[in-house]
Amino acid sequence: ESVYNLIPESGRMNLHKKLGLTLIKYSEDISEVASIAVDQINVCKDHVDLSMEERSLFAQLNLNEGKKSTAMSSFAQARDYVEAGISFLSESNWTNQYMLSLELFELSVEI
């Protein structure tokens, strides 16, 4: 933790992004590391630039984690994942990401 604190804030956010992306890219089974990867990305989501492809991927992964948390009755955690997922949607989400948007907003109403 002391080494982490020596890294400037912007460097920390980029580190979280790189960790999340690396976990997703090199994992043989994404379901095993999805929650760790999503948590890393969610830490930095407001502080780093993400491509539209990355934003869509992270919205989907947050939806998946929100569903898992809901199934385990961890509703506070599910709410966090769903809210993060919604924040990753594009401005034209109802046109370009209709099903993903619909699922995220439906789940947000349920929890």
Foldseek 3Di string as FASTA:
>chain_A
DVVLVVDPPLRQLVVLQVVLVCLCPPPPDCVVCLVVSLVSNLVNVVPDDDDLVVLQVSLVSLLVVLVVCVVVVVNVSSLVSLVSSCVSADPPCCPPVVVSNVSSVVSNVVD
